[in-house]
Amino acid sequence: MTNEDHRAQDGSPDLMAYGPVLTPEEVAQVLRLNQQHLVRLMRQGKFPAFKVAGAWRVRRSALEAVMDGTWQPPDAGAADHDE
């Protein structure tokens, strides 16, 4: 499935086309970001994500919060989340 398959007719991302949990690759496609940069933000706690068996994942609801501006990153003094 290509990027365009997950876009509404107006070009905006259609998040309902994704499952409830997205991979960094999928999130990077939706946000049109470099995947490595996105993972760096995740490690720093500047993007809402969690790890399952060592692999980063993002809840669709968290991505929606980022996109609508309601998600706030933790304080800048937070520890690195890459374990």
Protein backbone atom coordinates (compact mmCIF):
# COMPACT_ATOMS: atom_id res chain seq x y z
CA MET A 1 0.00 0.00 0.00
CA THR A 2 1.40 3.41 -0.92
CA ASN A 3 1.33 6.75 0.82
CA GLU A 4 -1.46 7.92 -1.44
CA ASP A 5 -3.64 4.98 -0.34
CA HIS A 6 -3.86 6.53 3.14
CA ARG A 7 -4.83 10.04 2.05
CA ALA A 8 -8.27 11.57 1.79
CA GLN A 9 -9.32 13.22 -1.47
CA ASP A 10 -8.12 16.57 -0.12
CA GLY A 11 -4.64 15.10 0.47
CA SER A 12 -4.90 15.03 4.26
CA PRO A 13 -3.92 11.81 6.06
CA ASP A 14 -6.71 9.27 6.55
CA LEU A 15 -5.70 7.82 9.90
CA MET A 16 -8.69 5.48 9.99
CA ALA A 17 -7.02 3.51 7.18
CA TYR A 18 -4.37 2.48 9.72
CA GLY A 19 -4.79 0.14 12.68
CA PRO A 20 -4.88 1.38 16.29
CA VAL A 21 -1.08 1.13 16.53
CA LEU A 22 1.33 2.43 13.90
CA THR A 23 4.98 1.78 13.15
CA PRO A 24 7.53 4.61 12.93
CA GLU A 25 7.55 4.12 9.15
CA GLU A 26 3.80 4.66 8.95
CA VAL A 27 3.91 7.70 11.25
CA ALA A 28 6.76 9.20 9.23
CA GLN A 29 4.69 8.73 6.06
CA VAL A 30 1.63 10.39 7.59
CA LEU A 31 3.62 13.34 8.92
CA ARG A 32 5.95 13.43 5.92
CA LEU A 33 8.98 13.31 8.20
CA ASN A 34 12.29 11.52 7.97
CA GLN A 35 11.88 8.23 9.86
CA GLN A 36 15.29 8.51 11.57
CA HIS A 37 14.40 11.97 12.86
CA LEU A 38 11.07 10.67 14.15
CA VAL A 39 12.75 7.80 16.02
CA ARG A 40 15.21 10.27 17.54
CA LEU A 41 12.25 12.31 18.83
CA MET A 42 10.72 9.12 20.26
CA ARG A 43 13.96 8.22 22.08
CA GLN A 44 14.13 11.72 23.53
CA GLY A 45 10.53 11.54 24.77
CA LYS A 46 9.51 14.36 22.44
CA PHE A 47 7.03 12.23 20.52
CA PRO A 48 4.47 9.90 22.16
CA ALA A 49 5.62 6.33 21.55
CA PHE A 50 6.28 3.07 23.33
CA LYS A 51 8.34 -0.04 22.72
CA VAL A 52 7.12 -3.60 22.25
CA ALA A 53 9.86 -6.24 22.16
CA GLY A 54 12.36 -3.50 21.30
CA ALA A 55 10.30 -2.04 18.44
CA TRP A 56 8.83 1.47 18.58
CA ARG A 57 5.07 1.87 18.19
CA VAL A 58 2.66 4.83 18.27
CA ARG A 59 -1.00 4.74 19.21
CA ARG A 60 -3.20 6.26 16.51
CA SER A 61 -4.89 8.35 19.21
CA ALA A 62 -1.49 9.77 20.24
CA LEU A 63 -0.70 10.65 16.63
CA GLU A 64 -4.07 12.37 16.34
CA ALA A 65 -3.25 14.38 19.49
CA VAL A 66 0.07 15.46 17.96
CA MET A 67 -1.66 16.45 14.74
CA ASP A 68 -4.39 18.48 16.44
CA GLY A 69 -1.94 20.13 18.83
CA THR A 70 -3.28 18.70 22.09
CA TRP A 71 -0.24 16.53 22.93
CA GLN A 72 2.43 18.27 24.97
CA PRO A 73 5.94 16.83 25.27
CA PRO A 74 7.32 16.26 28.77
CA ASP A 75 9.70 18.75 30.37
CA ALA A 76 13.01 19.20 28.57
CA GLY A 77 14.81 17.62 31.54
CA ALA A 78 13.17 14.23 30.98
CA ALA A 79 15.43 11.20 30.68
CA ASP A 80 16.18 9.46 27.39
CA HIS A 81 13.55 6.77 26.70
CA ASP A 82 15.74 4.45 24.63
CA GLU A 83 16.29 1.36 26.73
